[in-house]
Amino acid sequence: MVEHKQSRFFLRNFALFLLPVFVSLMLLGSISIAITQKFVREEIDRKDSILLGQIMAAIEVMLNEMDSLNLNFGTNPEINFGLKRILRSDPYSLTNTEIDKLSMIRNFIDAPANSRPYIHSIYVYMNNNYGRLLTTTEGLTSLDTFFDTQWFVRFQTSPAESLMWTEVRNIRQYAFERESKRILSIYRRLFSSGVARTDGVIVLNINAAYIENLLSSLRIYPEQRLLISDGEGNVLFGNPPEGFSAKAIVSDTENSYSVSRLESRRYGWNYISVVPTEIIYDIPSRLSLITFGVFVLSALMGLTITYVLTRRNYRNIQNIISIIDSAENDQPLPPGPSGVHDEYGYIVQNLLKTFIERSYLKVQLSERMYRTRTIELLALQSQMNPHFLFNTLETINWKILGFTGKPNEANEMITNLSDVLQYSLRGDQREVSLEEEIENTRSYIAIQKVRYRDKFEVIWDWDEELLECGVMKLLLQPLVENSIYHGIKTIKGSAAIFITIRSAGETLELTVRDTGKGMSPEDLEKIRDSIKEEREEKDLSHHIGLYNTNKRLKLLYGKEYGLFIDSLPGKGTTATAVLPLHIS
């Protein structure tokens, strides 16, 4: 009878303990696999979207070279009429002035062709009786002797309403070449001022191998196919999977492949990523096996633990029942336990419960404080961007308007601005290496040098072994900006900015000193007090960069670090940022 009750007690406890465990593991396993598959698919789609965007941006940088060429040859009257007069003149009667003009005009096509590795060649043709054209390969030549005439046939046969079009073709520059070279030709019609009919054409030839290598180098998976097709679904670049037609890749997605597509509105091209589904779901399949193994292991562990706990609980209940039965039957009570384990267990259990609750509350409080500090730090950091962006865009606009047909310097400004913006807006990264911070500051200084020209010079001084040290992101830029706008901008003559980076024991010191107008003792004391008290005052609005930089340093590294300011009227200002010395 006792054994039968014990068996039923075991079975009931097994059901109560094991059933929830089995159900929970089944649900958690199924949900985790489903969520993992969904997450992996979304992550693949997200990465494909970013990847295709990068490819489209890189390709359109190449295609946009045509805009610069059209700006020179299509809208610049001096270049347009000068080249037209040369091409339509007797080839053997060019004057020295026309030869000099031709040399100057040729620089506008030779410069991009020599500096851009993806450009194969550039042709500029304007209607003339001699069939003459200007090229980067042979200079001034004629259709009768030029090795490539396919483009001219395409130009003559293309619809008149087509302003710009592209085609992939093969050319062979020399007769001894065994294989022809595959290129992408971009055509742009030229028009004379006030004339509606076509007056000529610009042909920009891009090396197809460069684009193919670009697609190959950007693949995330070895089996991934990256393709570029035109608006009609014809694959221009890339190797489509076997069994796929170009139009099917653009418009359809079969079960064995995952296809992502990005369309270029300007050129009508499609950028396509084709990934086999077995690669996408490789990780979820492995996770499924791991989940199943954990499920079996958990079930065995649960069964063992349940069995041990059931035996112990049954023994304790039997002792309680034995004591109750003995009391009811007026029998001697069984001997008590040698130690008061249950009371101690009760106290320990409550202490643990209290400790866990307090620890949980403490962890929650710490997490909230951390999130608050992080949000405040990111908010202060984000204030730095609009202030600098406005001034930089104003400078770039001024510089571009001053250029007429020579965009190289403006392009350099835009490149530096892009570097600075990409650096400042790159995710939520709060700390970078000193080398990255120096490179970003150099880009910013290059932009300001264009605006102020010889107004100031920058002298750098740092130890090479410190380049791998970690520093707060956007640390030097606001200090240099403060020197330019508040120390150098309004003075007569030129000045200098000295940027010194040194280690001092366990700290790293970054000093920016200018030889500008400096500050009065009253202004200097006001700025020091405001920084020390960590409160923003209205009078500090002109030095918001210093305030934000100091507060960001203290939030990121602690109260003992920060920004220290010193200045003398007529001598200049020195700002020193002190932070812990460590490797990024």
Protein backbone atom coordinates (compact mmCIF):
# COMPACT_ATOMS: atom_id res chain seq x y z
CA MET A 1 0.00 0.00 0.00
CA VAL A 2 2.83 2.40 0.92
CA GLU A 3 4.75 1.57 -2.22
CA HIS A 4 1.60 2.18 -4.32
CA LYS A 5 1.09 5.65 -2.75
CA GLN A 6 4.76 6.45 -3.24
CA SER A 7 4.52 5.51 -6.93
CA ARG A 8 1.44 7.69 -7.44
CA PHE A 9 3.20 10.58 -5.67
CA PHE A 10 6.21 10.17 -7.94
CA LEU A 11 4.04 10.06 -11.07
CA ARG A 12 2.06 13.15 -10.03
CA ASN A 13 5.25 15.11 -9.33
CA PHE A 14 6.81 13.93 -12.57
CA ALA A 15 3.78 15.23 -14.46
CA LEU A 16 3.73 18.54 -12.55
CA PHE A 17 7.45 19.16 -13.02
CA LEU A 18 8.22 17.68 -16.42
CA LEU A 19 5.14 18.71 -18.40
CA PRO A 20 5.74 22.47 -18.05
CA VAL A 21 9.42 21.94 -18.84
CA PHE A 22 8.64 20.00 -22.00
CA VAL A 23 5.99 22.45 -23.15
CA SER A 24 8.21 25.47 -22.41
CA LEU A 25 11.18 24.01 -24.25
CA MET A 26 9.03 23.07 -27.22
CA LEU A 27 7.53 26.57 -27.44
CA LEU A 28 10.83 28.35 -26.83
CA GLY A 29 12.63 26.16 -29.35
CA SER A 30 10.01 26.68 -32.04
CA ILE A 31 9.77 30.41 -31.40
CA SER A 32 13.56 30.86 -31.32
CA ILE A 33 14.00 29.00 -34.60
CA ALA A 34 11.25 31.04 -36.26
CA ILE A 35 12.62 34.31 -34.91
CA THR A 36 16.17 33.35 -35.92
CA GLN A 37 15.09 32.52 -39.46
CA LYS A 38 13.17 35.77 -39.72
CA PHE A 39 16.07 37.75 -38.29
CA VAL A 40 18.62 36.10 -40.61
CA ARG A 41 16.43 36.79 -43.63
CA GLU A 42 15.90 40.41 -42.62
CA GLU A 43 19.62 40.78 -41.93
CA ILE A 44 20.46 39.35 -45.35
CA ASP A 45 17.96 41.72 -46.97
CA ARG A 46 19.38 44.64 -45.01
CA LYS A 47 22.96 43.80 -45.95
CA ASP A 48 21.92 43.29 -49.58
CA SER A 49 20.19 46.67 -49.56
CA ILE A 50 23.31 48.36 -48.18
CA LEU A 51 25.56 46.42 -50.55
CA LEU A 52 23.47 47.25 -53.62
CA GLY A 53 23.36 50.87 -52.52
CA GLN A 54 27.15 50.92 -52.31
CA ILE A 55 27.45 49.33 -55.75
CA MET A 56 24.97 51.79 -57.26
CA ALA A 57 26.81 54.72 -55.66
CA ALA A 58 30.17 53.48 -56.97
CA ILE A 59 28.83 52.85 -60.48
CA GLU A 60 27.02 56.18 -60.66
CA VAL A 61 30.22 57.96 -59.61
CA MET A 62 31.69 56.55 -62.82
CA LEU A 63 28.64 57.42 -64.89
CA ASN A 64 28.48 60.92 -63.43
CA GLU A 65 31.84 61.69 -65.01
CA MET A 66 29.73 62.51 -68.03
CA ASP A 67 28.20 65.45 -66.15
CA SER A 68 31.62 67.08 -65.73
CA LEU A 69 32.44 66.50 -69.39
CA ASN A 70 29.10 67.93 -70.52
CA LEU A 71 29.62 70.92 -68.20
CA ASN A 72 32.83 71.74 -70.07
CA PHE A 73 31.99 70.84 -73.65
CA GLY A 74 28.25 71.41 -73.65
CA THR A 75 27.72 74.52 -71.57
CA ASN A 76 31.07 76.36 -71.70
CA PRO A 77 30.93 78.59 -74.83
CA GLU A 78 34.68 79.20 -74.91
CA ILE A 79 35.49 75.46 -74.99
CA ASN A 80 32.53 74.53 -77.20
CA PHE A 81 33.14 77.12 -79.92
CA GLY A 82 36.92 76.80 -79.67
CA LEU A 83 36.86 73.02 -80.27
CA LYS A 84 34.23 73.36 -82.97
CA ARG A 85 36.37 75.91 -84.84
CA ILE A 86 39.43 73.65 -84.60
CA LEU A 87 37.62 70.53 -85.83
CA ARG A 88 36.04 72.38 -88.73
CA SER A 89 39.28 74.05 -89.85
CA ASP A 90 41.78 72.73 -92.37
CA PRO A 91 43.91 70.17 -90.45
CA TYR A 92 47.10 71.63 -91.91
CA SER A 93 46.37 75.30 -91.31
CA LEU A 94 46.06 75.51 -87.49
CA THR A 95 47.58 78.62 -86.00
CA ASN A 96 49.74 78.65 -82.88
CA THR A 97 46.82 80.14 -80.95
CA GLU A 98 44.55 77.31 -82.07
CA ILE A 99 47.21 74.73 -81.15
CA ASP A 100 47.49 76.24 -77.66
CA LYS A 101 43.69 76.26 -77.39
CA LEU A 102 43.59 72.59 -78.45
CA SER A 103 46.18 71.70 -75.80
CA MET A 104 44.12 73.46 -73.14
CA ILE A 105 40.89 71.78 -74.26
CA ARG A 106 42.53 68.37 -74.33
CA ASN A 107 43.42 68.71 -70.65
CA PHE A 108 39.71 68.54 -69.84
CA ILE A 109 39.51 64.94 -71.11
CA ASP A 110 43.06 63.79 -70.36
CA ALA A 111 42.86 64.76 -66.67
CA PRO A 112 39.92 62.49 -65.74
CA ALA A 113 41.10 59.70 -68.07
CA ASN A 114 44.53 59.60 -66.44
CA SER A 115 43.33 60.00 -62.84
CA ARG A 116 40.35 57.61 -62.93
CA PRO A 117 41.40 53.94 -63.27
CA TYR A 118 37.97 52.93 -64.52
CA ILE A 119 38.00 55.27 -67.55
CA HIS A 120 39.25 53.57 -70.73
CA SER A 121 38.98 56.56 -73.08
CA ILE A 122 36.96 59.67 -73.94
CA TYR A 123 35.89 60.88 -77.42
CA VAL A 124 34.53 64.33 -78.26
CA TYR A 125 33.04 64.73 -81.74
CA MET A 126 31.41 67.78 -83.30
CA ASN A 127 29.93 67.74 -86.78
CA ASN A 128 32.63 68.64 -89.33
CA ASN A 129 33.48 67.88 -92.97
CA TYR A 130 36.82 66.27 -92.10
CA GLY A 131 35.40 63.58 -89.76
CA ARG A 132 37.75 64.81 -87.07
CA LEU A 133 37.38 64.17 -83.32
CA LEU A 134 39.33 64.69 -80.10
CA THR A 135 40.28 61.55 -78.10
CA THR A 136 42.35 60.70 -75.04
CA THR A 137 44.11 57.86 -76.86
CA GLU A 138 45.29 59.59 -80.07
CA GLY A 139 44.58 63.24 -79.45
CA LEU A 140 43.22 65.02 -82.55
CA THR A 141 42.43 62.34 -85.14
CA SER A 142 39.88 61.45 -87.84
CA LEU A 143 37.36 58.68 -88.40
CA ASP A 144 39.29 57.44 -91.42
CA THR A 145 42.32 56.42 -89.31
CA PHE A 146 40.82 55.92 -85.86
CA PHE A 147 40.64 52.29 -84.68
CA ASP A 148 37.14 52.61 -83.13
CA THR A 149 34.22 53.69 -85.33
CA GLN A 150 31.40 51.60 -83.85
CA TRP A 151 30.36 54.46 -81.64
CA PHE A 152 29.95 56.78 -84.62
CA VAL A 153 27.54 54.36 -86.31
CA ARG A 154 25.55 54.06 -83.09
CA PHE A 155 25.51 57.86 -82.73
CA GLN A 156 24.15 58.34 -86.24
CA THR A 157 21.51 55.62 -85.93
CA SER A 158 20.25 56.38 -82.43
CA PRO A 159 16.88 58.16 -82.07
CA ALA A 160 17.20 61.93 -82.18
CA GLU A 161 15.18 62.32 -78.99
CA SER A 162 17.70 60.24 -77.00
CA LEU A 163 19.85 62.73 -75.09
CA MET A 164 21.92 60.13 -73.25
CA TRP A 165 22.24 56.35 -73.62
CA THR A 166 24.65 53.50 -72.85
CA GLU A 167 25.81 50.27 -74.45
CA VAL A 168 28.30 47.50 -73.71
CA ARG A 169 30.57 46.72 -76.64
CA ASN A 170 33.93 45.20 -77.56
CA ILE A 171 36.81 47.13 -79.13
CA ARG A 172 40.31 46.22 -80.31
CA GLN A 173 42.77 49.10 -80.35
CA TYR A 174 45.62 47.29 -82.08
CA ALA A 175 45.54 44.67 -84.83
CA PHE A 176 47.96 42.38 -83.00
CA GLU A 177 45.68 42.09 -79.96
CA ARG A 178 44.23 38.57 -79.73
CA GLU A 179 41.25 39.47 -77.61
CA SER A 180 39.04 42.51 -77.80
CA LYS A 181 38.42 44.67 -74.74
CA ARG A 182 34.92 44.92 -73.28
CA ILE A 183 33.86 48.46 -72.40
CA LEU A 184 30.75 50.37 -71.32
CA SER A 185 30.14 53.35 -73.60
CA ILE A 186 28.10 56.30 -72.35
CA TYR A 187 26.83 58.71 -75.01
CA ARG A 188 25.77 62.33 -74.46
CA ARG A 189 24.59 64.58 -77.29
CA LEU A 190 26.05 68.07 -77.62
CA PHE A 191 24.02 71.11 -78.67
CA SER A 192 25.11 74.58 -79.69
CA SER A 193 23.57 77.58 -77.96
CA GLY A 194 20.19 78.39 -79.48
CA VAL A 195 20.23 75.35 -81.82
CA ALA A 196 17.80 72.49 -81.30
CA ARG A 197 19.51 69.88 -83.47
CA THR A 198 22.46 67.78 -82.37
CA ASP A 199 25.84 69.37 -82.90
CA GLY A 200 28.02 66.49 -81.71
CA VAL A 201 28.47 63.83 -79.05
CA ILE A 202 30.66 62.93 -76.04
CA VAL A 203 31.54 59.23 -75.64
CA LEU A 204 32.80 58.11 -72.21
CA ASN A 205 34.23 54.56 -72.28
CA ILE A 206 34.39 52.69 -68.96
CA ASN A 207 36.49 49.53 -68.49
CA ALA A 208 34.02 46.68 -68.02
CA ALA A 209 36.69 44.63 -66.22
CA TYR A 210 36.86 47.30 -63.51
CA ILE A 211 33.13 46.97 -62.85
CA GLU A 212 33.33 43.17 -62.91
CA ASN A 213 36.17 43.24 -60.37
CA LEU A 214 34.17 45.64 -58.22
CA LEU A 215 31.18 43.28 -58.17
CA SER A 216 33.42 40.32 -57.37
CA SER A 217 35.21 42.09 -54.51
CA LEU A 218 31.98 43.20 -52.80
CA ARG A 219 30.38 39.76 -52.52
CA ILE A 220 29.41 38.75 -48.97
CA TYR A 221 29.18 35.01 -49.79
CA PRO A 222 31.32 33.07 -52.29
CA GLU A 223 28.17 31.77 -54.00
CA GLN A 224 26.52 35.19 -54.18
CA ARG A 225 25.93 36.65 -57.64
CA LEU A 226 25.94 40.43 -58.09
CA LEU A 227 24.45 41.58 -61.38
CA ILE A 228 23.74 44.82 -63.22
CA SER A 229 21.04 44.86 -65.90
CA ASP A 230 19.44 47.53 -68.03
CA GLY A 231 15.77 48.53 -67.92
CA GLU A 232 14.83 45.72 -70.34
CA GLY A 233 16.32 43.00 -68.15
CA ASN A 234 19.50 42.46 -70.19
CA VAL A 235 22.42 41.60 -67.92
CA LEU A 236 25.25 44.08 -68.52
CA PHE A 237 27.69 42.94 -65.83
CA GLY A 238 27.96 39.86 -63.63
CA ASN A 239 27.41 36.14 -64.17
CA PRO A 240 23.76 35.08 -63.60
CA PRO A 241 23.05 31.66 -62.05
CA GLU A 242 22.46 28.76 -64.38
CA GLY A 243 18.83 28.40 -65.43
CA PHE A 244 17.95 32.04 -64.82
CA SER A 245 17.05 34.41 -67.58
CA ALA A 246 17.86 38.06 -67.11
CA LYS A 247 14.20 39.10 -67.03
CA ALA A 248 13.34 36.33 -64.54
CA ILE A 249 16.03 37.57 -62.19
CA VAL A 250 14.62 41.07 -62.25
CA SER A 251 10.96 40.25 -61.93
CA ASP A 252 10.76 36.87 -60.19
CA THR A 253 12.18 35.09 -57.16
CA GLU A 254 12.36 31.29 -57.24
CA ASN A 255 12.34 29.18 -54.09
CA SER A 256 15.98 28.14 -54.45
CA TYR A 257 17.29 31.71 -54.55
CA SER A 258 16.84 34.92 -52.63
CA VAL A 259 16.88 37.92 -54.96
CA SER A 260 17.25 41.59 -53.96
CA ARG A 261 16.96 44.42 -56.46
CA LEU A 262 17.71 48.14 -56.41
CA GLU A 263 16.70 50.37 -59.32
CA SER A 264 18.55 53.48 -60.47
CA ARG A 265 15.97 56.05 -61.47
CA ARG A 266 18.43 58.22 -63.38
CA TYR A 267 19.97 55.55 -65.61
CA GLY A 268 17.22 52.90 -65.49
CA TRP A 269 19.64 50.16 -64.41
CA ASN A 270 18.86 47.39 -61.94
CA TYR A 271 21.39 46.28 -59.29
CA ILE A 272 20.67 42.68 -58.31
CA SER A 273 21.88 40.31 -55.59
CA VAL A 274 21.19 36.56 -55.99
CA VAL A 275 21.94 34.33 -52.98
CA PRO A 276 21.14 30.58 -52.70
CA THR A 277 18.65 29.93 -49.91
CA GLU A 278 20.71 27.07 -48.46
CA ILE A 279 23.39 29.61 -47.54
CA ILE A 280 20.87 31.96 -45.98
CA TYR A 281 19.34 29.25 -43.81
CA ASP A 282 22.58 27.47 -42.94
CA ILE A 283 22.83 29.16 -39.54
CA PRO A 284 19.14 28.57 -38.61
CA SER A 285 19.58 24.88 -39.49
CA ARG A 286 22.55 24.61 -37.17
CA LEU A 287 20.65 26.46 -34.47
CA SER A 288 17.80 23.98 -34.87
CA LEU A 289 20.18 21.08 -34.21
CA ILE A 290 21.66 22.88 -31.22
CA THR A 291 18.19 23.65 -29.89
CA PHE A 292 17.18 20.02 -30.24
CA GLY A 293 20.33 18.91 -28.38
CA VAL A 294 19.66 21.43 -25.60
CA PHE A 295 16.07 20.21 -25.48
CA VAL A 296 17.13 16.58 -24.97
CA LEU A 297 19.78 17.55 -22.40
CA SER A 298 17.31 19.75 -20.51
CA ALA A 299 14.75 16.97 -20.50
CA LEU A 300 17.24 14.50 -19.02
CA MET A 301 18.41 17.01 -16.44
CA GLY A 302 14.82 17.88 -15.57
CA LEU A 303 13.92 14.23 -15.18
CA THR A 304 16.88 13.63 -12.85
CA ILE A 305 16.24 16.74 -10.76
CA THR A 306 12.54 15.98 -10.52
CA TYR A 307 13.25 12.44 -9.38
CA VAL A 308 15.69 13.60 -6.65
CA LEU A 309 13.37 16.39 -5.43
CA THR A 310 10.38 14.07 -5.40
CA ARG A 311 12.17 11.49 -3.27
CA ARG A 312 13.29 14.16 -0.78
CA ASN A 313 9.87 15.81 -0.57
CA TYR A 314 8.17 12.44 -0.14
CA ARG A 315 10.55 11.58 2.69
CA ASN A 316 9.84 14.90 4.45
CA ILE A 317 6.08 14.45 4.05
CA GLN A 318 6.30 10.94 5.42
CA ASN A 319 8.14 12.27 8.50
CA ILE A 320 5.46 14.95 9.01
CA ILE A 321 2.69 12.34 8.60
CA SER A 322 4.51 10.03 10.99
CA ILE A 323 4.73 12.79 13.61
CA ILE A 324 1.02 13.67 13.17
CA ASP A 325 -0.02 10.02 13.37
CA SER A 326 2.11 9.52 16.47
CA ALA A 327 0.54 12.58 18.13
CA GLU A 328 -2.98 11.50 17.25
CA ASN A 329 -2.41 7.95 18.51
CA ASP A 330 -0.71 9.07 21.73
CA GLN A 331 2.44 7.30 20.72
CA PRO A 332 5.92 8.51 21.47
CA LEU A 333 7.09 11.09 18.93
CA PRO A 334 9.94 10.06 16.69
CA PRO A 335 13.30 11.69 17.40
CA GLY A 336 13.76 15.13 15.84
CA PRO A 337 16.46 16.07 13.36
CA SER A 338 19.99 16.54 14.60
CA GLY A 339 20.02 20.16 13.38
CA VAL A 340 17.45 22.80 12.65
CA HIS A 341 18.07 22.75 8.90
CA ASP A 342 14.63 23.86 7.77
CA GLU A 343 14.71 27.12 9.75
CA TYR A 344 18.11 27.96 8.46
CA GLY A 345 16.99 27.05 4.98
CA TYR A 346 14.02 29.36 5.43
CA ILE A 347 16.22 32.24 6.61
CA VAL A 348 18.76 31.67 3.83
CA GLN A 349 15.98 31.48 1.29
CA ASN A 350 14.52 34.80 2.45
CA LEU A 351 17.93 36.43 2.60
CA LEU A 352 18.63 35.27 -0.93
CA LYS A 353 15.24 36.50 -2.02
CA THR A 354 15.87 39.90 -0.45
CA PHE A 355 19.37 40.05 -1.94
CA ILE A 356 18.10 39.12 -5.40
CA GLU A 357 15.36 41.76 -5.22
CA ARG A 358 17.83 44.44 -4.10
CA SER A 359 20.37 43.36 -6.69
CA TYR A 360 17.67 43.45 -9.36
CA LEU A 361 16.63 46.96 -8.36
CA LYS A 362 20.27 48.05 -8.27
CA VAL A 363 20.90 46.62 -11.73
CA GLN A 364 17.80 48.36 -13.06
CA LEU A 365 18.94 51.65 -11.53
CA SER A 366 22.43 51.24 -12.99
CA GLU A 367 21.01 50.45 -16.41
CA ARG A 368 18.80 53.52 -16.30
CA MET A 369 21.70 55.73 -15.21
CA TYR A 370 23.86 54.28 -17.97
CA ARG A 371 21.17 54.85 -20.58
CA THR A 372 20.66 58.41 -19.33
CA ARG A 373 24.40 59.14 -19.51
CA THR A 374 24.63 57.56 -22.96
CA ILE A 375 21.67 59.52 -24.29
CA GLU A 376 23.07 62.75 -22.88
CA LEU A 377 26.50 62.02 -24.36
CA LEU A 378 25.07 61.23 -27.79
CA ALA A 379 22.86 64.33 -27.66
CA LEU A 380 25.84 66.55 -26.84
CA GLN A 381 27.90 64.88 -29.55
CA SER A 382 25.17 65.37 -32.15
CA GLN A 383 25.13 69.14 -31.44
CA MET A 384 28.60 69.41 -32.96
CA ASN A 385 27.49 68.43 -36.47
CA PRO A 386 24.89 71.10 -37.48
CA HIS A 387 27.11 73.95 -36.26
CA PHE A 388 30.03 72.88 -38.46
CA LEU A 389 27.87 71.66 -41.34
CA PHE A 390 26.34 75.10 -41.91
CA ASN A 391 29.71 76.87 -42.13
CA THR A 392 31.23 74.17 -44.34
CA LEU A 393 28.36 74.13 -46.82
CA GLU A 394 28.52 77.91 -47.00
CA THR A 395 32.25 77.71 -47.79
CA ILE A 396 31.77 75.03 -50.43
CA ASN A 397 28.99 77.01 -52.08
CA TRP A 398 31.22 80.11 -52.20
CA LYS A 399 34.11 78.14 -53.67
CA ILE A 400 32.08 76.37 -56.37
CA LEU A 401 30.57 79.66 -57.54
CA GLY A 402 34.10 81.02 -57.94
CA PHE A 403 35.15 78.21 -60.25
CA THR A 404 34.58 78.29 -64.00
CA GLY A 405 35.32 75.04 -65.67
CA LYS A 406 37.97 73.88 -63.16
CA PRO A 407 36.09 71.73 -60.59
CA ASN A 408 39.10 69.89 -59.17
CA GLU A 409 39.52 71.99 -56.01
CA ALA A 410 35.78 72.01 -55.37
CA ASN A 411 35.72 68.25 -55.76
CA GLU A 412 38.49 68.02 -53.16
CA MET A 413 36.42 70.11 -50.76
CA ILE A 414 33.39 67.93 -51.28
CA THR A 415 35.52 64.82 -50.69
CA ASN A 416 36.84 66.25 -47.41
CA LEU A 417 33.33 67.23 -46.37
CA SER A 418 32.06 63.75 -47.15
CA ASP A 419 34.85 62.24 -45.03
CA VAL A 420 34.01 64.53 -42.10
CA LEU A 421 30.26 63.88 -42.33
CA GLN A 422 30.73 60.14 -42.66
CA TYR A 423 33.05 60.16 -39.66
CA SER A 424 30.76 62.27 -37.46
CA LEU A 425 27.54 60.45 -38.39
CA ARG A 426 29.00 56.92 -38.32
CA GLY A 427 26.68 54.95 -35.96
CA ASP A 428 26.80 55.51 -32.17
CA GLN A 429 30.57 54.96 -31.81
CA ARG A 430 31.82 57.16 -28.99
CA GLU A 431 35.54 56.34 -29.10
CA VAL A 432 37.99 55.98 -32.01
CA SER A 433 41.73 55.61 -32.43
CA LEU A 434 43.91 58.72 -32.30
CA GLU A 435 44.92 58.07 -35.91
CA GLU A 436 41.29 58.21 -37.07
CA GLU A 437 40.69 61.41 -35.09
CA ILE A 438 43.77 63.03 -36.66
CA GLU A 439 42.67 62.06 -40.18
CA ASN A 440 39.20 63.52 -39.62
CA THR A 441 40.68 66.75 -38.23
CA ARG A 442 42.97 67.01 -41.25
CA SER A 443 39.93 66.78 -43.56
CA TYR A 444 38.20 69.52 -41.58
CA ILE A 445 41.32 71.73 -41.66
CA ALA A 446 41.63 71.21 -45.44
CA ILE A 447 38.11 72.57 -45.88
CA GLN A 448 38.82 75.61 -43.70
CA LYS A 449 42.13 76.25 -45.50
CA VAL A 450 40.20 76.62 -48.74
CA ARG A 451 37.97 79.25 -47.19
CA TYR A 452 40.63 81.22 -45.31
CA ARG A 453 43.56 80.43 -47.64
CA ASP A 454 46.73 81.84 -46.00
CA LYS A 455 44.95 83.13 -42.91
CA PHE A 456 46.50 80.41 -40.75
CA GLU A 457 48.77 77.41 -40.79
CA VAL A 458 48.61 74.25 -38.69
CA ILE A 459 51.66 72.63 -37.08
CA TRP A 460 51.23 69.03 -35.85
CA ASP A 461 53.38 67.35 -33.23
CA TRP A 462 52.65 63.86 -31.89
CA ASP A 463 54.38 60.60 -30.94
CA GLU A 464 53.87 57.77 -33.42
CA GLU A 465 53.35 55.20 -30.65
CA LEU A 466 50.23 57.06 -29.53
CA LEU A 467 48.32 56.57 -32.80
CA GLU A 468 46.63 53.37 -31.56
CA CYS A 469 45.38 55.04 -28.36
CA GLY A 470 41.65 55.47 -27.91
CA VAL A 471 40.24 59.00 -27.82
CA MET A 472 36.77 60.47 -27.72
CA LYS A 473 35.25 60.89 -31.17
CA LEU A 474 35.15 64.49 -32.49
CA LEU A 475 37.59 65.73 -29.84
CA LEU A 476 40.06 67.83 -31.88
CA GLN A 477 37.66 69.33 -34.43
CA PRO A 478 35.70 71.62 -32.03
CA LEU A 479 38.98 72.81 -30.47
CA VAL A 480 40.42 73.73 -33.88
CA GLU A 481 37.11 75.29 -34.87
CA ASN A 482 37.16 77.43 -31.71
CA SER A 483 40.68 78.63 -32.53
CA ILE A 484 39.68 79.59 -36.08
CA TYR A 485 36.38 81.34 -35.38
CA HIS A 486 37.14 82.96 -32.02
CA GLY A 487 40.90 83.46 -32.16
CA ILE A 488 42.07 83.91 -35.76
CA LYS A 489 39.15 84.89 -37.97
CA THR A 490 38.90 88.53 -36.90
CA ILE A 491 42.60 89.41 -36.55
CA LYS A 492 44.66 91.14 -39.20
CA GLY A 493 47.34 89.10 -40.88
CA SER A 494 47.97 85.39 -40.49
CA ALA A 495 48.29 83.15 -37.45
CA ALA A 496 49.27 79.61 -36.51
CA ILE A 497 47.60 76.70 -34.76
CA PHE A 498 49.83 74.23 -32.88
CA ILE A 499 48.36 70.77 -32.21
CA THR A 500 50.46 68.78 -29.75
CA ILE A 501 49.69 65.24 -28.51
CA ARG A 502 51.70 63.80 -25.64
CA SER A 503 51.38 61.15 -22.93
CA ALA A 504 51.84 62.14 -19.31
CA GLY A 505 52.02 59.10 -17.06
CA GLU A 506 48.66 57.35 -17.33
CA THR A 507 46.96 60.23 -19.13
CA LEU A 508 46.87 61.47 -22.72
CA GLU A 509 47.02 65.24 -23.34
CA LEU A 510 45.85 66.81 -26.62
CA THR A 511 46.68 70.52 -26.80
CA VAL A 512 45.41 73.02 -29.41
CA ARG A 513 47.16 76.40 -29.16
CA ASP A 514 46.60 79.36 -31.48
CA THR A 515 48.35 82.70 -31.88
CA GLY A 516 45.10 84.61 -32.26
CA LYS A 517 43.60 87.49 -30.34
CA GLY A 518 43.18 85.57 -27.04
CA MET A 519 40.66 86.41 -24.29
CA SER A 520 40.45 88.91 -21.51
CA PRO A 521 40.92 87.59 -17.94
CA GLU A 522 37.22 88.21 -17.24
CA ASP A 523 36.06 86.16 -20.26
CA LEU A 524 38.56 83.41 -19.49
CA GLU A 525 37.41 83.17 -15.87
CA LYS A 526 33.77 83.07 -16.93
CA ILE A 527 34.42 80.16 -19.30
CA ARG A 528 36.45 78.28 -16.69
CA ASP A 529 33.75 78.72 -14.04
CA SER A 530 31.00 77.57 -16.40
CA ILE A 531 32.97 74.48 -17.40
CA LYS A 532 33.89 73.70 -13.80
CA GLU A 533 30.28 74.02 -12.61
CA GLU A 534 29.05 71.96 -15.58
CA ARG A 535 26.17 74.26 -16.36
CA GLU A 536 25.50 75.99 -19.63
CA GLU A 537 25.07 79.75 -19.42
CA LYS A 538 23.80 82.19 -22.00
CA ASP A 539 27.21 83.96 -22.13
CA LEU A 540 28.78 80.64 -23.20
CA SER A 541 26.78 80.36 -26.42
CA HIS A 542 29.77 81.54 -28.51
CA HIS A 543 31.98 78.78 -27.03
CA ILE A 544 29.41 75.94 -27.06
CA GLY A 545 32.06 73.65 -28.63
CA LEU A 546 34.32 73.97 -25.58
CA TYR A 547 31.45 73.37 -23.17
CA ASN A 548 30.17 70.30 -25.02
CA THR A 549 33.66 68.84 -25.43
CA ASN A 550 34.40 69.20 -21.71
CA LYS A 551 31.09 67.66 -20.68
CA ARG A 552 31.47 64.77 -23.15
CA LEU A 553 34.95 64.03 -21.74
CA LYS A 554 33.63 63.90 -18.18
CA LEU A 555 30.62 61.75 -19.13
CA LEU A 556 32.81 59.30 -21.04
CA TYR A 557 35.90 59.08 -18.80
CA GLY A 558 34.95 60.47 -15.39
CA LYS A 559 35.00 63.69 -13.38
CA GLU A 560 38.81 63.76 -13.06
CA TYR A 561 39.23 64.30 -16.81
CA GLY A 562 38.11 67.14 -19.03
CA LEU A 563 39.11 70.33 -20.84
CA PHE A 564 41.46 73.03 -19.48
CA ILE A 565 41.56 76.53 -21.01
CA ASP A 566 44.27 79.19 -20.81
CA SER A 567 44.56 82.47 -22.74
CA LEU A 568 46.37 85.81 -22.90
CA PRO A 569 44.99 88.88 -24.70
CA GLY A 570 46.84 89.41 -27.95
CA LYS A 571 48.84 86.19 -27.53
CA GLY A 572 46.33 83.44 -28.20
CA THR A 573 44.38 80.68 -26.49
CA THR A 574 45.38 77.15 -25.40
CA ALA A 575 42.87 74.32 -24.91
CA THR A 576 44.13 71.02 -23.43
CA ALA A 577 41.99 67.87 -23.35
CA VAL A 578 43.06 65.33 -20.70
CA LEU A 579 41.82 61.71 -20.87
CA PRO A 580 43.05 58.29 -19.72
CA LEU A 581 45.83 56.68 -21.78
CA HIS A 582 44.62 53.38 -23.25
CA ILE A 583 44.61 51.40 -26.47
CA SER A 584 41.45 51.74 -28.60
